[in-house]
Amino acid sequence: ELVDRFYDLMALEEPFAELRAMHSEDLSSSRDKLKLFLSGWLGGPDVYSPKYGHPMLRARHLPFKIGLKERNQWLACMYRAMEDCGIDGQIGAQLEESFFNTADWMRNQAN
């Protein structure tokens, strides 16, 4: 539900248009990959690696310019998706911190 809401917001909401433009027209592969990745990242079974190999997050995202603006746009979209899905309280706060740390680590631009 979270991943679907995240990509729905990205596709439909103007504040996330630049983020959306970084993706292919068909978001089904991105949805699938994020769902599978989050399963293992959140402590569940590693279903991503058998299908796609090691995540190598930074390497897979190097072709894209990711600075503060892109990081913040991604986080705003994810935080909104979390809110829309009712993910709040201590779990929400922990997820927000983890998402922030990962998104900030993905930056490959100084700004």
PDB file of N, CA and C in Angstrom:
ATOM      1  N   GLU A   1       0.821  -1.198   0.000  1.00  0.00           N
ATOM      2  CA  GLU A   1       0.000   0.000   0.000  1.00  0.00           C
ATOM      3  C   GLU A   1       0.869   1.267   0.000  1.00  0.00           C
ATOM      4  N   LEU A   2       1.922   1.287   0.837  1.00  0.00           N
ATOM      5  CA  LEU A   2       2.789   2.463   0.926  1.00  0.00           C
ATOM      6  C   LEU A   2       3.461   2.766  -0.409  1.00  0.00           C
ATOM      7  N   VAL A   3       4.023   1.750  -1.025  1.00  0.00           N
ATOM      8  CA  VAL A   3       4.725   1.954  -2.299  1.00  0.00           C
ATOM      9  C   VAL A   3       3.761   2.416  -3.382  1.00  0.00           C
ATOM     10  N   ASP A   4       2.588   1.811  -3.436  1.00  0.00           N
ATOM     11  CA  ASP A   4       1.610   2.231  -4.439  1.00  0.00           C
ATOM     12  C   ASP A   4       1.196   3.681  -4.226  1.00  0.00           C
ATOM     13  N   ARG A   5       0.973   4.068  -2.975  1.00  0.00           N
ATOM     14  CA  ARG A   5       0.590   5.452  -2.700  1.00  0.00           C
ATOM     15  C   ARG A   5       1.734   6.409  -3.059  1.00  0.00           C
ATOM     16  N   PHE A   6       2.958   6.014  -2.749  1.00  0.00           N
ATOM     17  CA  PHE A   6       4.135   6.819  -3.077  1.00  0.00           C
ATOM     18  C   PHE A   6       4.191   7.103  -4.577  1.00  0.00           C
ATOM     19  N   TYR A   7       4.066   6.057  -5.388  1.00  0.00           N
ATOM     20  CA  TYR A   7       4.159   6.257  -6.840  1.00  0.00           C
ATOM     21  C   TYR A   7       2.907   6.926  -7.408  1.00  0.00           C
ATOM     22  N   ASP A   8       1.754   6.711  -6.791  1.00  0.00           N
ATOM     23  CA  ASP A   8       0.545   7.423  -7.225  1.00  0.00           C
ATOM     24  C   ASP A   8       0.715   8.926  -7.006  1.00  0.00           C
ATOM     25  N   LEU A   9       1.216   9.290  -5.829  1.00  0.00           N
ATOM     26  CA  LEU A   9       1.453  10.712  -5.549  1.00  0.00           C
ATOM     27  C   LEU A   9       2.460  11.301  -6.521  1.00  0.00           C
ATOM     28  N   MET A  10       3.518  10.561  -6.768  1.00  0.00           N
ATOM     29  CA  MET A  10       4.554  11.029  -7.683  1.00  0.00           C
ATOM     30  C   MET A  10       3.970  11.292  -9.070  1.00  0.00           C
ATOM     31  N   ALA A  11       3.072  10.433  -9.488  1.00  0.00           N
ATOM     32  CA  ALA A  11       2.494  10.551 -10.826  1.00  0.00           C
ATOM     33  C   ALA A  11       1.435  11.647 -10.917  1.00  0.00           C
ATOM     34  N   LEU A  12       0.771  11.944  -9.811  1.00  0.00           N
ATOM     35  CA  LEU A  12      -0.396  12.819  -9.863  1.00  0.00           C
ATOM     36  C   LEU A  12      -0.195  14.224  -9.300  1.00  0.00           C
ATOM     37  N   GLU A  13       0.740  14.392  -8.394  1.00  0.00           N
ATOM     38  CA  GLU A  13       0.874  15.663  -7.680  1.00  0.00           C
ATOM     39  C   GLU A  13       1.988  16.522  -8.279  1.00  0.00           C
ATOM     40  N   GLU A  14       1.674  17.756  -8.578  1.00  0.00           N
ATOM     41  CA  GLU A  14       2.618  18.693  -9.193  1.00  0.00           C
ATOM     42  C   GLU A  14       3.920  18.868  -8.403  1.00  0.00           C
ATOM     43  N   PRO A  15       3.872  18.937  -7.063  1.00  0.00           N
ATOM     44  CA  PRO A  15       5.135  19.122  -6.336  1.00  0.00           C
ATOM     45  C   PRO A  15       6.168  18.014  -6.569  1.00  0.00           C
ATOM     46  N   PHE A  16       5.716  16.879  -7.092  1.00  0.00           N
ATOM     47  CA  PHE A  16       6.622  15.750  -7.307  1.00  0.00           C
ATOM     48  C   PHE A  16       6.909  15.505  -8.787  1.00  0.00           C
ATOM     49  N   ALA A  17       6.591  16.473  -9.633  1.00  0.00           N
ATOM     50  CA  ALA A  17       6.740  16.299 -11.084  1.00  0.00           C
ATOM     51  C   ALA A  17       8.193  16.052 -11.501  1.00  0.00           C
ATOM     52  N   GLU A  18       9.127  16.760 -10.890  1.00  0.00           N
ATOM     53  CA  GLU A  18      10.537  16.561 -11.256  1.00  0.00           C
ATOM     54  C   GLU A  18      11.018  15.176 -10.848  1.00  0.00           C
ATOM     55  N   LEU A  19      10.560  14.717  -9.710  1.00  0.00           N
ATOM     56  CA  LEU A  19      10.888  13.363  -9.262  1.00  0.00           C
ATOM     57  C   LEU A  19      10.310  12.338 -10.232  1.00  0.00           C
ATOM     58  N   ARG A  20       9.086  12.561 -10.651  1.00  0.00           N
ATOM     59  CA  ARG A  20       8.427  11.656 -11.598  1.00  0.00           C
ATOM     60  C   ARG A  20       9.186  11.600 -12.918  1.00  0.00           C
ATOM     61  N   ALA A  21       9.707  12.737 -13.349  1.00  0.00           N
ATOM     62  CA  ALA A  21      10.414  12.814 -14.629  1.00  0.00           C
ATOM     63  C   ALA A  21      11.702  11.990 -14.639  1.00  0.00           C
ATOM     64  N   MET A  22      12.200  11.630 -13.479  1.00  0.00           N
ATOM     65  CA  MET A  22      13.415  10.818 -13.386  1.00  0.00           C
ATOM     66  C   MET A  22      13.135   9.335 -13.634  1.00  0.00           C
ATOM     67  N   HIS A  23      11.867   8.976 -13.719  1.00  0.00           N
ATOM     68  CA  HIS A  23      11.464   7.580 -13.874  1.00  0.00           C
ATOM     69  C   HIS A  23      10.961   7.318 -15.291  1.00  0.00           C
ATOM     70  N   SER A  24      10.912   6.050 -15.652  1.00  0.00           N
ATOM     71  CA  SER A  24      10.363   5.689 -16.957  1.00  0.00           C
ATOM     72  C   SER A  24       8.857   5.930 -16.964  1.00  0.00           C
ATOM     73  N   GLU A  25       8.284   5.956 -18.149  1.00  0.00           N
ATOM     74  CA  GLU A  25       6.850   6.222 -18.276  1.00  0.00           C
ATOM     75  C   GLU A  25       6.026   5.198 -17.500  1.00  0.00           C
ATOM     76  N   ASP A  26       6.392   3.933 -17.615  1.00  0.00           N
ATOM     77  CA  ASP A  26       5.699   2.857 -16.910  1.00  0.00           C
ATOM     78  C   ASP A  26       6.362   2.658 -15.548  1.00  0.00           C
ATOM     79  N   LEU A  27       5.613   2.899 -14.488  1.00  0.00           N
ATOM     80  CA  LEU A  27       6.164   2.804 -13.140  1.00  0.00           C
ATOM     81  C   LEU A  27       6.073   1.404 -12.539  1.00  0.00           C
ATOM     82  N   SER A  28       5.556   0.433 -13.275  1.00  0.00           N
ATOM     83  CA  SER A  28       5.331  -0.891 -12.687  1.00  0.00           C
ATOM     84  C   SER A  28       6.629  -1.540 -12.215  1.00  0.00           C
ATOM     85  N   SER A  29       7.706  -1.400 -12.961  1.00  0.00           N
ATOM     86  CA  SER A  29       8.985  -1.980 -12.547  1.00  0.00           C
ATOM     87  C   SER A  29       9.516  -1.273 -11.297  1.00  0.00           C
ATOM     88  N   SER A  30       9.395   0.042 -11.255  1.00  0.00           N
ATOM     89  CA  SER A  30       9.841   0.791 -10.077  1.00  0.00           C
ATOM     90  C   SER A  30       9.035   0.398  -8.850  1.00  0.00           C
ATOM     91  N   ARG A  31       7.737   0.253  -9.016  1.00  0.00           N
ATOM     92  CA  ARG A  31       6.880  -0.176  -7.904  1.00  0.00           C
ATOM     93  C   ARG A  31       7.320  -1.548  -7.391  1.00  0.00           C
ATOM     94  N   ASP A  32       7.517  -2.473  -8.310  1.00  0.00           N
ATOM     95  CA  ASP A  32       7.906  -3.829  -7.933  1.00  0.00           C
ATOM     96  C   ASP A  32       9.239  -3.822  -7.199  1.00  0.00           C
ATOM     97  N   LYS A  33      10.208  -3.118  -7.739  1.00  0.00           N
ATOM     98  CA  LYS A  33      11.537  -3.099  -7.129  1.00  0.00           C
ATOM     99  C   LYS A  33      11.512  -2.482  -5.736  1.00  0.00           C
ATOM    100  N   LEU A  34      10.778  -1.387  -5.558  1.00  0.00           N
ATOM    101  CA  LEU A  34      10.736  -0.756  -4.241  1.00  0.00           C
ATOM    102  C   LEU A  34      10.008  -1.643  -3.238  1.00  0.00           C
ATOM    103  N   LYS A  35       8.925  -2.278  -3.648  1.00  0.00           N
ATOM    104  CA  LYS A  35       8.217  -3.197  -2.742  1.00  0.00           C
ATOM    105  C   LYS A  35       9.133  -4.320  -2.286  1.00  0.00           C
ATOM    106  N   LEU A  36       9.824  -4.934  -3.228  1.00  0.00           N
ATOM    107  CA  LEU A  36      10.708  -6.045  -2.883  1.00  0.00           C
ATOM    108  C   LEU A  36      11.881  -5.570  -2.029  1.00  0.00           C
ATOM    109  N   PHE A  37      12.451  -4.418  -2.373  1.00  0.00           N
ATOM    110  CA  PHE A  37      13.567  -3.882  -1.595  1.00  0.00           C
ATOM    111  C   PHE A  37      13.136  -3.590  -0.163  1.00  0.00           C
ATOM    112  N   LEU A  38      12.005  -2.909   0.000  1.00  0.00           N
ATOM    113  CA  LEU A  38      11.560  -2.536   1.345  1.00  0.00           C
ATOM    114  C   LEU A  38      11.265  -3.747   2.215  1.00  0.00           C
ATOM    115  N   SER A  39      10.872  -4.847   1.618  1.00  0.00           N
ATOM    116  CA  SER A  39      10.630  -6.059   2.395  1.00  0.00           C
ATOM    117  C   SER A  39      11.864  -6.424   3.213  1.00  0.00           C
ATOM    118  N   GLY A  40      13.004  -6.503   2.573  1.00  0.00           N
ATOM    119  CA  GLY A  40      14.236  -6.836   3.275  1.00  0.00           C
ATOM    120  C   GLY A  40      14.775  -5.691   4.106  1.00  0.00           C
ATOM    121  N   TRP A  41      14.671  -4.477   3.605  1.00  0.00           N
ATOM    122  CA  TRP A  41      15.193  -3.294   4.296  1.00  0.00           C
ATOM    123  C   TRP A  41      14.479  -3.074   5.624  1.00  0.00           C
ATOM    124  N   LEU A  42      13.211  -3.461   5.672  1.00  0.00           N
ATOM    125  CA  LEU A  42      12.421  -3.289   6.890  1.00  0.00           C
ATOM    126  C   LEU A  42      12.463  -4.518   7.797  1.00  0.00           C
ATOM    127  N   GLY A  43      13.308  -5.484   7.461  1.00  0.00           N
ATOM    128  CA  GLY A  43      13.480  -6.638   8.339  1.00  0.00           C
ATOM    129  C   GLY A  43      12.755  -7.898   7.916  1.00  0.00           C
ATOM    130  N   GLY A  44      12.035  -7.838   6.820  1.00  0.00           N
ATOM    131  CA  GLY A  44      11.336  -9.016   6.314  1.00  0.00           C
ATOM    132  C   GLY A  44      12.248  -9.840   5.428  1.00  0.00           C
ATOM    133  N   PRO A  45      11.674 -10.755   4.690  1.00  0.00           N
ATOM    134  CA  PRO A  45      12.497 -11.607   3.824  1.00  0.00           C
ATOM    135  C   PRO A  45      13.153 -10.812   2.692  1.00  0.00           C
ATOM    136  N   ASP A  46      14.362 -11.230   2.338  1.00  0.00           N
ATOM    137  CA  ASP A  46      15.069 -10.611   1.215  1.00  0.00           C
ATOM    138  C   ASP A  46      14.529 -11.209  -0.075  1.00  0.00           C
ATOM    139  N   VAL A  47      13.562 -10.540  -0.651  1.00  0.00           N
ATOM    140  CA  VAL A  47      12.976 -11.008  -1.909  1.00  0.00           C
ATOM    141  C   VAL A  47      13.491 -10.201  -3.101  1.00  0.00           C
ATOM    142  N   TYR A  48      14.231  -9.134  -2.818  1.00  0.00           N
ATOM    143  CA  TYR A  48      14.785  -8.304  -3.890  1.00  0.00           C
ATOM    144  C   TYR A  48      15.999  -8.974  -4.541  1.00  0.00           C
ATOM    145  N   SER A  49      16.967  -9.344  -3.728  1.00  0.00           N
ATOM    146  CA  SER A  49      18.246  -9.858  -4.248  1.00  0.00           C
ATOM    147  C   SER A  49      18.114 -11.071  -5.157  1.00  0.00           C
ATOM    148  N   PRO A  50      17.294 -12.061  -4.815  1.00  0.00           N
ATOM    149  CA  PRO A  50      17.185 -13.209  -5.726  1.00  0.00           C
ATOM    150  C   PRO A  50      16.679 -12.828  -7.119  1.00  0.00           C
ATOM    151  N   LYS A  51      15.885 -11.771  -7.189  1.00  0.00           N
ATOM    152  CA  LYS A  51      15.300 -11.365  -8.468  1.00  0.00           C
ATOM    153  C   LYS A  51      16.168 -10.359  -9.221  1.00  0.00           C
ATOM    154  N   TYR A  52      16.777  -9.412  -8.501  1.00  0.00           N
ATOM    155  CA  TYR A  52      17.495  -8.310  -9.147  1.00  0.00           C
ATOM    156  C   TYR A  52      18.977  -8.222  -8.787  1.00  0.00           C
ATOM    157  N   GLY A  53      19.458  -9.061  -7.906  1.00  0.00           N
ATOM    158  CA  GLY A  53      20.838  -8.969  -7.454  1.00  0.00           C
ATOM    159  C   GLY A  53      20.958  -8.021  -6.272  1.00  0.00           C
ATOM    160  N   HIS A  54      22.184  -7.803  -5.822  1.00  0.00           N
ATOM    161  CA  HIS A  54      22.420  -6.910  -4.686  1.00  0.00           C
ATOM    162  C   HIS A  54      21.855  -5.528  -5.012  1.00  0.00           C
ATOM    163  N   PRO A  55      21.183  -4.886  -4.046  1.00  0.00           N
ATOM    164  CA  PRO A  55      20.553  -3.589  -4.334  1.00  0.00           C
ATOM    165  C   PRO A  55      21.509  -2.508  -4.843  1.00  0.00           C
ATOM    166  N   MET A  56      22.709  -2.416  -4.310  1.00  0.00           N
ATOM    167  CA  MET A  56      23.678  -1.395  -4.742  1.00  0.00           C
ATOM    168  C   MET A  56      22.986  -0.049  -4.991  1.00  0.00           C
ATOM    169  N   LEU A  57      22.322   0.458  -3.973  1.00  0.00           N
ATOM    170  CA  LEU A  57      21.492   1.659  -4.128  1.00  0.00           C
ATOM    171  C   LEU A  57      22.218   2.837  -4.764  1.00  0.00           C
ATOM    172  N   ARG A  58      23.372   3.177  -4.241  1.00  0.00           N
ATOM    173  CA  ARG A  58      24.080   4.352  -4.794  1.00  0.00           C
ATOM    174  C   ARG A  58      24.472   4.121  -6.244  1.00  0.00           C
ATOM    175  N   ALA A  59      25.001   2.965  -6.542  1.00  0.00           N
ATOM    176  CA  ALA A  59      25.434   2.678  -7.917  1.00  0.00           C
ATOM    177  C   ALA A  59      24.256   2.727  -8.886  1.00  0.00           C
ATOM    178  N   ARG A  60      23.113   2.193  -8.472  1.00  0.00           N
ATOM    179  CA  ARG A  60      21.938   2.179  -9.354  1.00  0.00           C
ATOM    180  C   ARG A  60      21.367   3.579  -9.577  1.00  0.00           C
ATOM    181  N   HIS A  61      21.643   4.487  -8.644  1.00  0.00           N
ATOM    182  CA  HIS A  61      21.101   5.841  -8.757  1.00  0.00           C
ATOM    183  C   HIS A  61      22.117   6.862  -9.273  1.00  0.00           C
ATOM    184  N   LEU A  62      23.355   6.450  -9.506  1.00  0.00           N
ATOM    185  CA  LEU A  62      24.377   7.394  -9.981  1.00  0.00           C
ATOM    186  C   LEU A  62      24.029   8.095 -11.292  1.00  0.00           C
ATOM    187  N   PRO A  63      23.303   7.459 -12.210  1.00  0.00           N
ATOM    188  CA  PRO A  63      22.964   8.172 -13.450  1.00  0.00           C
ATOM    189  C   PRO A  63      22.057   9.389 -13.234  1.00  0.00           C
ATOM    190  N   PHE A  64      21.465   9.504 -12.046  1.00  0.00           N
ATOM    191  CA  PHE A  64      20.520  10.587 -11.771  1.00  0.00           C
ATOM    192  C   PHE A  64      21.166  11.633 -10.875  1.00  0.00           C
ATOM    193  N   LYS A  65      20.899  12.903 -11.183  1.00  0.00           N
ATOM    194  CA  LYS A  65      21.373  14.000 -10.341  1.00  0.00           C
ATOM    195  C   LYS A  65      20.508  14.022  -9.081  1.00  0.00           C
ATOM    196  N   ILE A  66      21.135  13.738  -7.953  1.00  0.00           N
ATOM    197  CA  ILE A  66      20.406  13.732  -6.688  1.00  0.00           C
ATOM    198  C   ILE A  66      21.103  14.694  -5.734  1.00  0.00           C
ATOM    199  N   GLY A  67      20.500  15.865  -5.599  1.00  0.00           N
ATOM    200  CA  GLY A  67      20.987  16.876  -4.670  1.00  0.00           C
ATOM    201  C   GLY A  67      19.971  17.068  -3.557  1.00  0.00           C
ATOM    202  N   LEU A  68      20.096  18.164  -2.841  1.00  0.00           N
ATOM    203  CA  LEU A  68      19.164  18.453  -1.748  1.00  0.00           C
ATOM    204  C   LEU A  68      17.723  18.534  -2.249  1.00  0.00           C
ATOM    205  N   LYS A  69      17.530  19.193  -3.375  1.00  0.00           N
ATOM    206  CA  LYS A  69      16.178  19.370  -3.919  1.00  0.00           C
ATOM    207  C   LYS A  69      15.530  18.022  -4.226  1.00  0.00           C
ATOM    208  N   GLU A  70      16.264  17.145  -4.888  1.00  0.00           N
ATOM    209  CA  GLU A  70      15.723  15.834  -5.261  1.00  0.00           C
ATOM    210  C   GLU A  70      15.507  14.969  -4.020  1.00  0.00           C
ATOM    211  N   ARG A  71      16.466  15.026  -3.093  1.00  0.00           N
ATOM    212  CA  ARG A  71      16.306  14.288  -1.834  1.00  0.00           C
ATOM    213  C   ARG A  71      15.052  14.742  -1.108  1.00  0.00           C
ATOM    214  N   ASN A  72      14.888  16.054  -0.986  1.00  0.00           N
ATOM    215  CA  ASN A  72      13.743  16.593  -0.259  1.00  0.00           C
ATOM    216  C   ASN A  72      12.425  16.271  -0.952  1.00  0.00           C
ATOM    217  N   GLN A  73      12.430  16.271  -2.275  1.00  0.00           N
ATOM    218  CA  GLN A  73      11.215  15.936  -3.011  1.00  0.00           C
ATOM    219  C   GLN A  73      10.847  14.467  -2.790  1.00  0.00           C
ATOM    220  N   TRP A  74      11.843  13.588  -2.832  1.00  0.00           N
ATOM    221  CA  TRP A  74      11.600  12.164  -2.583  1.00  0.00           C
ATOM    222  C   TRP A  74      11.053  11.957  -1.171  1.00  0.00           C
ATOM    223  N   LEU A  75      11.688  12.606  -0.203  1.00  0.00           N
ATOM    224  CA  LEU A  75      11.241  12.467   1.184  1.00  0.00           C
ATOM    225  C   LEU A  75       9.834  13.015   1.380  1.00  0.00           C
ATOM    226  N   ALA A  76       9.535  14.161   0.801  1.00  0.00           N
ATOM    227  CA  ALA A  76       8.195  14.740   0.940  1.00  0.00           C
ATOM    228  C   ALA A  76       7.145  13.796   0.372  1.00  0.00           C
ATOM    229  N   CYS A  77       7.451  13.185  -0.754  1.00  0.00           N
ATOM    230  CA  CYS A  77       6.520  12.242  -1.372  1.00  0.00           C
ATOM    231  C   CYS A  77       6.338  11.008  -0.484  1.00  0.00           C
ATOM    232  N   MET A  78       7.428  10.475   0.047  1.00  0.00           N
ATOM    233  CA  MET A  78       7.338   9.293   0.905  1.00  0.00           C
ATOM    234  C   MET A  78       6.633   9.615   2.217  1.00  0.00           C
ATOM    235  N   TYR A  79       6.954  10.750   2.822  1.00  0.00           N
ATOM    236  CA  TYR A  79       6.306  11.131   4.082  1.00  0.00           C
ATOM    237  C   TYR A  79       4.805  11.332   3.878  1.00  0.00           C
ATOM    238  N   ARG A  80       4.439  11.920   2.764  1.00  0.00           N
ATOM    239  CA  ARG A  80       3.009  12.101   2.460  1.00  0.00           C
ATOM    240  C   ARG A  80       2.338  10.749   2.264  1.00  0.00           C
ATOM    241  N   ALA A  81       2.999   9.832   1.567  1.00  0.00           N
ATOM    242  CA  ALA A  81       2.453   8.488   1.377  1.00  0.00           C
ATOM    243  C   ALA A  81       2.286   7.791   2.726  1.00  0.00           C
ATOM    244  N   MET A  82       3.252   7.952   3.614  1.00  0.00           N
ATOM    245  CA  MET A  82       3.153   7.360   4.949  1.00  0.00           C
ATOM    246  C   MET A  82       1.948   7.929   5.689  1.00  0.00           C
ATOM    247  N   GLU A  83       1.799   9.228   5.632  1.00  0.00           N
ATOM    248  CA  GLU A  83       0.665   9.885   6.289  1.00  0.00           C
ATOM    249  C   GLU A  83      -0.653   9.377   5.714  1.00  0.00           C
ATOM    250  N   ASP A  84      -0.740   9.307   4.401  1.00  0.00           N
ATOM    251  CA  ASP A  84      -1.965   8.846   3.745  1.00  0.00           C
ATOM    252  C   ASP A  84      -2.289   7.396   4.090  1.00  0.00           C
ATOM    253  N   CYS A  85      -1.258   6.612   4.385  1.00  0.00           N
ATOM    254  CA  CYS A  85      -1.453   5.197   4.735  1.00  0.00           C
ATOM    255  C   CYS A  85      -1.611   4.988   6.240  1.00  0.00           C
ATOM    256  N   GLY A  86      -1.603   6.073   6.999  1.00  0.00           N
ATOM    257  CA  GLY A  86      -1.794   5.970   8.442  1.00  0.00           C
ATOM    258  C   GLY A  86      -0.580   5.467   9.199  1.00  0.00           C
ATOM    259  N   ILE A  87       0.600   5.655   8.634  1.00  0.00           N
ATOM    260  CA  ILE A  87       1.830   5.234   9.313  1.00  0.00           C
ATOM    261  C   ILE A  87       2.322   6.420  10.128  1.00  0.00           C
ATOM    262  N   ASP A  88       2.163   6.330  11.441  1.00  0.00           N
ATOM    263  CA  ASP A  88       2.536   7.448  12.299  1.00  0.00           C
ATOM    264  C   ASP A  88       3.081   6.920  13.621  1.00  0.00           C
ATOM    265  N   GLY A  89       3.114   7.765  14.624  1.00  0.00           N
ATOM    266  CA  GLY A  89       3.610   7.362  15.932  1.00  0.00           C
ATOM    267  C   GLY A  89       5.079   6.996  15.893  1.00  0.00           C
ATOM    268  N   GLN A  90       5.476   6.102  16.793  1.00  0.00           N
ATOM    269  CA  GLN A  90       6.879   5.713  16.908  1.00  0.00           C
ATOM    270  C   GLN A  90       7.382   5.032  15.642  1.00  0.00           C
ATOM    271  N   ILE A  91       6.562   4.179  15.055  1.00  0.00           N
ATOM    272  CA  ILE A  91       6.967   3.500  13.818  1.00  0.00           C
ATOM    273  C   ILE A  91       7.169   4.520  12.704  1.00  0.00           C
ATOM    274  N   GLY A  92       6.243   5.458  12.591  1.00  0.00           N
ATOM    275  CA  GLY A  92       6.373   6.499  11.576  1.00  0.00           C
ATOM    276  C   GLY A  92       7.635   7.325  11.764  1.00  0.00           C
ATOM    277  N   ALA A  93       7.922   7.690  13.011  1.00  0.00           N
ATOM    278  CA  ALA A  93       9.117   8.488  13.299  1.00  0.00           C
ATOM    279  C   ALA A  93      10.388   7.714  12.961  1.00  0.00           C
ATOM    280  N   GLN A  94      10.410   6.429  13.301  1.00  0.00           N
ATOM    281  CA  GLN A  94      11.585   5.607  12.984  1.00  0.00           C
ATOM    282  C   GLN A  94      11.762   5.463  11.477  1.00  0.00           C
ATOM    283  N   LEU A  95      10.659   5.256  10.773  1.00  0.00           N
ATOM    284  CA  LEU A  95      10.739   5.144   9.315  1.00  0.00           C
ATOM    285  C   LEU A  95      11.205   6.451   8.689  1.00  0.00           C
ATOM    286  N   GLU A  96      10.663   7.566   9.162  1.00  0.00           N
ATOM    287  CA  GLU A  96      11.080   8.863   8.620  1.00  0.00           C
ATOM    288  C   GLU A  96      12.580   9.060   8.797  1.00  0.00           C
ATOM    289  N   GLU A  97      13.103   8.714   9.972  1.00  0.00           N
ATOM    290  CA  GLU A  97      14.538   8.860  10.215  1.00  0.00           C
ATOM    291  C   GLU A  97      15.343   7.946   9.288  1.00  0.00           C
ATOM    292  N   SER A  98      14.900   6.710   9.150  1.00  0.00           N
ATOM    293  CA  SER A  98      15.607   5.763   8.275  1.00  0.00           C
ATOM    294  C   SER A  98      15.546   6.194   6.817  1.00  0.00           C
ATOM    295  N   PHE A  99      14.366   6.635   6.380  1.00  0.00           N
ATOM    296  CA  PHE A  99      14.242   7.118   5.004  1.00  0.00           C
ATOM    297  C   PHE A  99      15.126   8.348   4.783  1.00  0.00           C
ATOM    298  N   PHE A 100      15.152   9.257   5.767  1.00  0.00           N
ATOM    299  CA  PHE A 100      15.994  10.448   5.623  1.00  0.00           C
ATOM    300  C   PHE A 100      17.460  10.053   5.478  1.00  0.00           C
ATOM    301  N   ASN A 101      17.933   9.188   6.374  1.00  0.00           N
ATOM    302  CA  ASN A 101      19.344   8.794   6.335  1.00  0.00           C
ATOM    303  C   ASN A 101      19.705   8.147   5.001  1.00  0.00           C
ATOM    304  N   THR A 102      18.839   7.296   4.501  1.00  0.00           N
ATOM    305  CA  THR A 102      19.109   6.630   3.227  1.00  0.00           C
ATOM    306  C   THR A 102      19.056   7.625   2.071  1.00  0.00           C
ATOM    307  N   ALA A 103      18.034   8.471   2.054  1.00  0.00           N
ATOM    308  CA  ALA A 103      17.902   9.457   0.973  1.00  0.00           C
ATOM    309  C   ALA A 103      19.079  10.431   0.981  1.00  0.00           C
ATOM    310  N   ASP A 104      19.527  10.824   2.159  1.00  0.00           N
ATOM    311  CA  ASP A 104      20.653  11.745   2.234  1.00  0.00           C
ATOM    312  C   ASP A 104      21.934  11.068   1.749  1.00  0.00           C
ATOM    313  N   TRP A 105      22.098   9.803   2.044  1.00  0.00           N
ATOM    314  CA  TRP A 105      23.261   9.032   1.605  1.00  0.00           C
ATOM    315  C   TRP A 105      23.276   8.863   0.084  1.00  0.00           C
ATOM    316  N   MET A 106      22.105   8.922  -0.544  1.00  0.00           N
ATOM    317  CA  MET A 106      21.995   8.750  -1.992  1.00  0.00           C
ATOM    318  C   MET A 106      22.427   9.989  -2.771  1.00  0.00           C
ATOM    319  N   ARG A 107      22.578  11.125  -2.074  1.00  0.00           N
ATOM    320  CA  ARG A 107      22.958  12.359  -2.768  1.00  0.00           C
ATOM    321  C   ARG A 107      24.293  12.189  -3.473  1.00  0.00           C
ATOM    322  N   ASN A 108      24.339  12.667  -4.713  1.00  0.00           N
ATOM    323  CA  ASN A 108      25.589  12.646  -5.477  1.00  0.00           C
ATOM    324  C   ASN A 108      25.926  14.037  -6.018  1.00  0.00           C
ATOM    325  N   GLN A 109      25.218  15.036  -5.507  1.00  0.00           N
ATOM    326  CA  GLN A 109      25.453  16.443  -5.852  1.00  0.00           C
ATOM    327  C   GLN A 109      25.677  17.203  -4.550  1.00  0.00           C
ATOM    328  N   ALA A 110      26.539  18.194  -4.573  1.00  0.00           N
ATOM    329  CA  ALA A 110      26.888  18.932  -3.357  1.00  0.00           C
ATOM    330  C   ALA A 110      25.753  19.802  -2.828  1.00  0.00           C
ATOM    331  N   ASN A 111      24.918  20.299  -3.721  1.00  0.00           N
ATOM    332  CA  ASN A 111      23.890  21.261  -3.297  1.00  0.00           C
ATOM    333  C   ASN A 111      22.854  20.652  -2.416  1.00  0.00           C
TER     334      ASN A 111
END
